[in-house]
C-alpha atoms as a PDB file:
ATOM      1  CA  MET A   1     169.176 -91.502 -86.889  1.00  0.00           C
ATOM      2  CA  ARG A   2     172.571 -89.987 -86.588  1.00  0.00           C
ATOM      3  CA  ILE A   3     175.911 -90.172 -84.955  1.00  0.00           C
ATOM      4  CA  ARG A   4     176.966 -86.959 -83.280  1.00  0.00           C
ATOM      5  CA  ILE A   5     180.669 -86.160 -83.113  1.00  0.00           C
ATOM      6  CA  LEU A   6     181.861 -83.806 -80.380  1.00  0.00           C
ATOM      7  CA  LEU A   7     185.302 -82.247 -80.248  1.00  0.00           C
ATOM      8  CA  ALA A   8     187.434 -82.982 -77.237  1.00  0.00           C
ATOM      9  CA  ALA A   9     189.605 -80.038 -76.345  1.00  0.00           C
ATOM     10  CA  MET A  10     192.802 -82.058 -76.405  1.00  0.00           C
ATOM     11  CA  ALA A  11     195.730 -82.548 -78.699  1.00  0.00           C
ATOM     12  CA  VAL A  12     198.567 -84.979 -78.310  1.00  0.00           C
ATOM     13  CA  ALA A  13     202.066 -84.424 -79.628  1.00  0.00           C
ATOM     14  CA  LEU A  14     203.843 -87.643 -80.483  1.00  0.00           C
ATOM     15  CA  THR A  15     207.585 -87.375 -80.098  1.00  0.00           C
ATOM     16  CA  PRO A  16     209.902 -90.178 -81.184  1.00  0.00           C
ATOM     17  CA  GLY A  17     212.490 -91.277 -78.659  1.00  0.00           C
ATOM     18  CA  SER A  18     210.745 -89.969 -75.542  1.00  0.00           C
ATOM     19  CA  GLY A  19     210.965 -93.245 -73.649  1.00  0.00           C
ATOM     20  CA  ALA A  20     212.070 -93.251 -70.041  1.00  0.00           C
ATOM     21  CA  GLN A  21     214.733 -95.527 -68.597  1.00  0.00           C
ATOM     22  CA  ALA A  22     215.368 -96.168 -64.942  1.00  0.00           C
ATOM     23  CA  ALA A  23     219.019 -95.553 -64.096  1.00  0.00           C
ATOM     24  CA  ASN A  24     218.643 -95.441 -60.321  1.00  0.00           C
ATOM     25  CA  ALA A  25     219.434 -98.150 -57.818  1.00  0.00           C
ATOM     26  CA  LEU A  26     216.701-100.423 -56.505  1.00  0.00           C
ATOM     27  CA  GLY A  27     214.556 -98.652 -53.914  1.00  0.00           C
ATOM     28  CA  GLU A  28     215.153 -95.154 -55.303  1.00  0.00           C
ATOM     29  CA  ILE A  29     212.380 -93.252 -57.031  1.00  0.00           C
ATOM     30  CA  ASN A  30     212.912 -92.338 -60.651  1.00  0.00           C
ATOM     31  CA  ILE A  31     210.278 -90.152 -62.296  1.00  0.00           C
ATOM     32  CA  VAL A  32     210.798 -88.730 -65.749  1.00  0.00           C
ATOM     33  CA  LEU A  33     208.383 -86.020 -66.888  1.00  0.00           C
ATOM     34  CA  TYR A  34     208.438 -84.977 -70.512  1.00  0.00           C
ATOM     35  CA  GLY A  35     206.346 -83.193 -73.104  1.00  0.00           C
ATOM     36  CA  ASN A  36     206.315 -80.393 -75.627  1.00  0.00           C
ATOM     37  CA  ILE A  37     205.317 -76.756 -75.533  1.00  0.00           C
ATOM     38  CA  VAL A  38     203.834 -75.602 -78.823  1.00  0.00           C
ATOM     39  CA  ASP A  39     202.579 -72.224 -79.911  1.00  0.00           C
ATOM     40  CA  PHE A  40     199.720 -73.662 -81.964  1.00  0.00           C
ATOM     41  CA  THR A  41     197.579 -76.756 -82.095  1.00  0.00           C
ATOM     42  CA  CYS A  42     195.026 -78.237 -84.444  1.00  0.00           C
ATOM     43  CA  VAL A  43     191.410 -77.274 -83.995  1.00  0.00           C
ATOM     44  CA  ALA A  44     188.348 -78.570 -85.783  1.00  0.00           C
ATOM     45  CA  GLU A  45     186.820 -76.123 -88.219  1.00  0.00           C
ATOM     46  CA  GLY A  46     183.795 -74.493 -86.579  1.00  0.00           C
ATOM     47  CA  SER A  47     181.155 -76.605 -88.322  1.00  0.00           C
ATOM     48  CA  ASP A  48     183.051 -79.809 -87.504  1.00  0.00           C
ATOM     49  CA  SER A  49     183.366 -79.288 -83.745  1.00  0.00           C
ATOM     50  CA  ASP A  50     179.714 -80.318 -83.199  1.00  0.00           C
ATOM     51  CA  LYS A  51     178.905 -82.417 -86.232  1.00  0.00           C
ATOM     52  CA  SER A  52     175.881 -84.587 -86.986  1.00  0.00           C
ATOM     53  CA  VAL A  53     176.239 -87.488 -89.404  1.00  0.00           C
ATOM     54  CA  THR A  54     173.011 -88.918 -90.802  1.00  0.00           C
ATOM     55  CA  LEU A  55     173.173 -92.704 -90.997  1.00  0.00           C
ATOM     56  CA  GLY A  56     169.792 -93.121 -92.667  1.00  0.00           C
ATOM     57  CA  THR A  57     166.648 -95.154 -92.085  1.00  0.00           C
ATOM     58  CA  TRP A  58     167.046 -98.894 -92.554  1.00  0.00           C
ATOM     59  CA  PRO A  59     164.664-101.866 -92.284  1.00  0.00           C
ATOM     60  CA  THR A  60     165.528-104.425 -89.593  1.00  0.00           C
ATOM     61  CA  LYS A  61     165.871-107.078 -92.328  1.00  0.00           C
ATOM     62  CA  GLN A  62     169.017-105.195 -93.489  1.00  0.00           C
ATOM     63  CA  LEU A  63     170.535-106.008 -90.069  1.00  0.00           C
ATOM     64  CA  SER A  64     168.881-109.377 -89.420  1.00  0.00           C
ATOM     65  CA  THR A  65     172.017-111.349 -88.511  1.00  0.00           C
ATOM     66  CA  THR A  66     175.003-110.576 -86.312  1.00  0.00           C
ATOM     67  CA  GLY A  67     177.601-108.631 -88.293  1.00  0.00           C
ATOM     68  CA  SER A  68     175.152-107.340 -90.924  1.00  0.00           C
ATOM     69  CA  ARG A  69     175.886-103.736 -91.883  1.00  0.00           C
ATOM     70  CA  THR A  70     174.131-100.820 -93.475  1.00  0.00           C
ATOM     71  CA  GLN A  71     175.737 -98.702 -96.160  1.00  0.00           C
ATOM     72  CA  ALA A  72     178.724 -96.697 -94.886  1.00  0.00           C
ATOM     73  CA  MET A  73     177.970 -92.966 -94.848  1.00  0.00           C
ATOM     74  CA  PRO A  74     180.895 -90.587 -95.436  1.00  0.00           C
ATOM     75  CA  PHE A  75     181.825 -87.688 -93.175  1.00  0.00           C
ATOM     76  CA  THR A  76     184.785 -85.328 -93.052  1.00  0.00           C
ATOM     77  CA  LEU A  77     186.610 -83.537 -90.259  1.00  0.00           C
ATOM     78  CA  LYS A  78     188.533 -80.418 -91.282  1.00  0.00           C
ATOM     79  CA  LEU A  79     191.372 -79.293 -89.010  1.00  0.00           C
ATOM     80  CA  THR A  80     193.031 -75.883 -89.056  1.00  0.00           C
ATOM     81  CA  GLY A  81     196.024 -74.335 -87.300  1.00  0.00           C
ATOM     82  CA  CYS A  82     197.961 -77.591 -87.214  1.00  0.00           C
ATOM     83  CA  PRO A  83     201.731 -77.719 -86.791  1.00  0.00           C
ATOM     84  CA  PRO A  84     203.780 -79.068 -89.706  1.00  0.00           C
ATOM     85  CA  GLY A  85     203.729 -82.836 -90.058  1.00  0.00           C
ATOM     86  CA  ALA A  86     200.718 -85.112 -89.887  1.00  0.00           C
ATOM     87  CA  ALA A  87     197.473 -85.350 -87.948  1.00  0.00           C
ATOM     88  CA  SER A  88     195.066 -88.106 -86.964  1.00  0.00           C
ATOM     89  CA  VAL A  89     192.096 -88.442 -84.641  1.00  0.00           C
ATOM     90  CA  THR A  90     191.052 -90.957 -82.009  1.00  0.00           C
ATOM     91  CA  PHE A  91     187.334 -91.538 -81.414  1.00  0.00           C
ATOM     92  CA  SER A  92     185.891 -92.431 -78.033  1.00  0.00           C
ATOM     93  CA  GLY A  93     182.431 -92.830 -76.586  1.00  0.00           C
ATOM     94  CA  LYS A  94     180.104 -95.330 -74.948  1.00  0.00           C
ATOM     95  CA  VAL A  95     181.490 -98.759 -75.813  1.00  0.00           C
ATOM     96  CA  ASP A  96     179.153-101.456 -77.102  1.00  0.00           C
ATOM     97  CA  PRO A  97     179.004-104.272 -74.510  1.00  0.00           C
ATOM     98  CA  ARG A  98     179.286-107.000 -77.184  1.00  0.00           C
ATOM     99  CA  ASP A  99     182.156-105.448 -79.145  1.00  0.00           C
ATOM    100  CA  PRO A 100     184.406-102.801 -77.531  1.00  0.00           C
ATOM    101  CA  GLU A 101     185.551-101.578 -80.964  1.00  0.00           C
ATOM    102  CA  LEU A 102     182.030-100.288 -81.675  1.00  0.00           C
ATOM    103  CA  LEU A 103     180.117 -97.244 -80.487  1.00  0.00           C
ATOM    104  CA  ALA A 104     177.031 -98.169 -78.451  1.00  0.00           C
ATOM    105  CA  LEU A 105     173.739 -96.419 -79.001  1.00  0.00           C
ATOM    106  CA  ASN A 106     173.024 -93.665 -76.490  1.00  0.00           C
ATOM    107  CA  ASP A 107     170.472 -93.998 -73.681  1.00  0.00           C
ATOM    108  CA  ALA A 108     167.780 -92.092 -75.622  1.00  0.00           C
ATOM    109  CA  SER A 109     167.766 -94.749 -78.364  1.00  0.00           C
ATOM    110  CA  GLN A 110     165.077 -97.432 -78.493  1.00  0.00           C
ATOM    111  CA  ALA A 111     166.685 -99.759 -81.077  1.00  0.00           C
ATOM    112  CA  SER A 112     168.576-102.762 -79.732  1.00  0.00           C
ATOM    113  CA  ASN A 113     171.199-105.247 -80.919  1.00  0.00           C
ATOM    114  CA  VAL A 114     172.706-102.501 -83.084  1.00  0.00           C
ATOM    115  CA  ALA A 115     175.860-100.381 -82.718  1.00  0.00           C
ATOM    116  CA  VAL A 116     177.725 -97.839 -84.837  1.00  0.00           C
ATOM    117  CA  GLU A 117     180.897 -98.794 -86.660  1.00  0.00           C
ATOM    118  CA  ILE A 118     183.352 -96.015 -87.544  1.00  0.00           C
ATOM    119  CA  ARG A 119     185.583 -96.634 -90.541  1.00  0.00           C
ATOM    120  CA  ASP A 120     188.789 -94.952 -91.665  1.00  0.00           C
ATOM    121  CA  ARG A 121     189.278 -93.318 -95.065  1.00  0.00           C
ATOM    122  CA  ASP A 122     189.972 -96.710 -96.704  1.00  0.00           C
ATOM    123  CA  LYS A 123     186.733 -98.077 -95.159  1.00  0.00           C
ATOM    124  CA  THR A 124     188.551-100.394 -92.752  1.00  0.00           C
ATOM    125  CA  ARG A 125     187.088-100.503 -89.245  1.00  0.00           C
ATOM    126  CA  LEU A 126     188.504 -97.851 -86.931  1.00  0.00           C
ATOM    127  CA  PRO A 127     188.120 -99.213 -83.394  1.00  0.00           C
ATOM    128  CA  LEU A 128     187.306 -96.788 -80.601  1.00  0.00           C
ATOM    129  CA  GLN A 129     190.444 -95.569 -78.776  1.00  0.00           C
ATOM    130  CA  GLN A 130     192.658 -96.226 -81.828  1.00  0.00           C
ATOM    131  CA  ALA A 131     194.215 -93.426 -83.882  1.00  0.00           C
ATOM    132  CA  SER A 132     193.076 -93.039 -87.465  1.00  0.00           C
ATOM    133  CA  GLN A 133     195.443 -93.099 -90.391  1.00  0.00           C
ATOM    134  CA  ASP A 134     197.679 -90.021 -90.514  1.00  0.00           C
ATOM    135  CA  VAL A 135     196.997 -87.295 -93.048  1.00  0.00           C
ATOM    136  CA  VAL A 136     199.583 -84.747 -94.095  1.00  0.00           C
ATOM    137  CA  VAL A 137     199.117 -81.190 -92.843  1.00  0.00           C
ATOM    138  CA  ASP A 138     199.380 -78.712 -95.739  1.00  0.00           C
ATOM    139  CA  ALA A 139     201.564 -75.586 -95.764  1.00  0.00           C
ATOM    140  CA  GLN A 140     198.697 -73.488 -94.328  1.00  0.00           C
ATOM    141  CA  GLY A 141     198.260 -75.834 -91.343  1.00  0.00           C
ATOM    142  CA  ASN A 142     195.107 -77.519 -92.666  1.00  0.00           C
ATOM    143  CA  ALA A 143     194.249 -81.206 -92.743  1.00  0.00           C
ATOM    144  CA  VAL A 144     191.155 -83.023 -93.965  1.00  0.00           C
ATOM    145  CA  LEU A 145     190.289 -86.436 -92.533  1.00  0.00           C
ATOM    146  CA  ASP A 146     187.728 -88.643 -94.261  1.00  0.00           C
ATOM    147  CA  PHE A 147     185.697 -91.247 -92.377  1.00  0.00           C
ATOM    148  CA  TYR A 148     182.625 -93.433 -92.741  1.00  0.00           C
ATOM    149  CA  ALA A 149     180.025 -94.649 -90.258  1.00  0.00           C
ATOM    150  CA  ASN A 150     177.366 -97.326 -90.456  1.00  0.00           C
ATOM    151  CA  TYR A 151     175.066 -99.404 -88.295  1.00  0.00           C
ATOM    152  CA  ILE A 152     176.120-102.964 -87.524  1.00  0.00           C
ATOM    153  CA  ALA A 153     174.047-105.733 -85.939  1.00  0.00           C
ATOM    154  CA  THR A 154     175.609-106.948 -82.695  1.00  0.00           C
ATOM    155  CA  ALA A 155     173.120-109.829 -82.352  1.00  0.00           C
ATOM    156  CA  ASN A 156     170.462-111.484 -84.486  1.00  0.00           C
ATOM    157  CA  ASN A 157     167.056-109.861 -84.910  1.00  0.00           C
ATOM    158  CA  PRO A 158     167.642-106.244 -83.886  1.00  0.00           C
ATOM    159  CA  GLN A 159     164.665-104.309 -82.614  1.00  0.00           C
ATOM    160  CA  PRO A 160     163.568-101.130 -84.419  1.00  0.00           C
ATOM    161  CA  GLY A 161     163.581 -97.642 -82.962  1.00  0.00           C
ATOM    162  CA  ARG A 162     165.633 -94.507 -82.773  1.00  0.00           C
ATOM    163  CA  ALA A 163     169.336 -95.373 -83.082  1.00  0.00           C
ATOM    164  CA  ASP A 164     171.638 -92.480 -82.141  1.00  0.00           C
ATOM    165  CA  ALA A 165     175.188 -92.559 -80.813  1.00  0.00           C
ATOM    166  CA  ASP A 166     177.578 -89.908 -79.535  1.00  0.00           C
ATOM    167  CA  ALA A 167     181.321 -89.888 -80.138  1.00  0.00           C
ATOM    168  CA  THR A 168     184.118 -87.589 -79.080  1.00  0.00           C
ATOM    169  CA  PHE A 169     187.367 -87.229 -80.966  1.00  0.00           C
ATOM    170  CA  MET A 170     190.820 -86.244 -79.848  1.00  0.00           C
ATOM    171  CA  ILE A 171     193.235 -84.703 -82.329  1.00  0.00           C
ATOM    172  CA  ASN A 172     196.711 -86.250 -82.510  1.00  0.00           C
ATOM    173  CA  TYR A 173     199.571 -84.639 -84.356  1.00  0.00           C
ATOM    174  CA  ASN A 174     203.181 -85.536 -84.988  1.00  0.00           C
END
């Protein structure tokens, strides 16, 4: 039973003060296009671009009621080549139908009423599509992000079976 993390080949530069304001009269089209050109971007260290995180084997009684959790298992993503500043990541994947903050099990899984919860470095829930806490990029352009993942019951009496999930992450830097 594992959660597999796949690297999305994207990076987002966050720039303060890039808001657009319409200064044209009613009926005129006003389109503002903006962005940044950078000569380097963060990449996941080779072993972290296709990572497997083992979540363990748990009895259904550990997850017998809605909201029950297994032990949170740590995992790390190491980024290299980052621009000066800070970096974070945003996880995405198949959303659990009962709780859109959670990662649903993939189609090959047989377990039911269970999802995967991703947690930030302080073990608070990190909802899908929300950026993690920023970490400072060191002078060599490296950043290490710590996370946790665990199973969580999404309904009473989960059914046993294989319980795998797949997540993708996007690197954000600012």
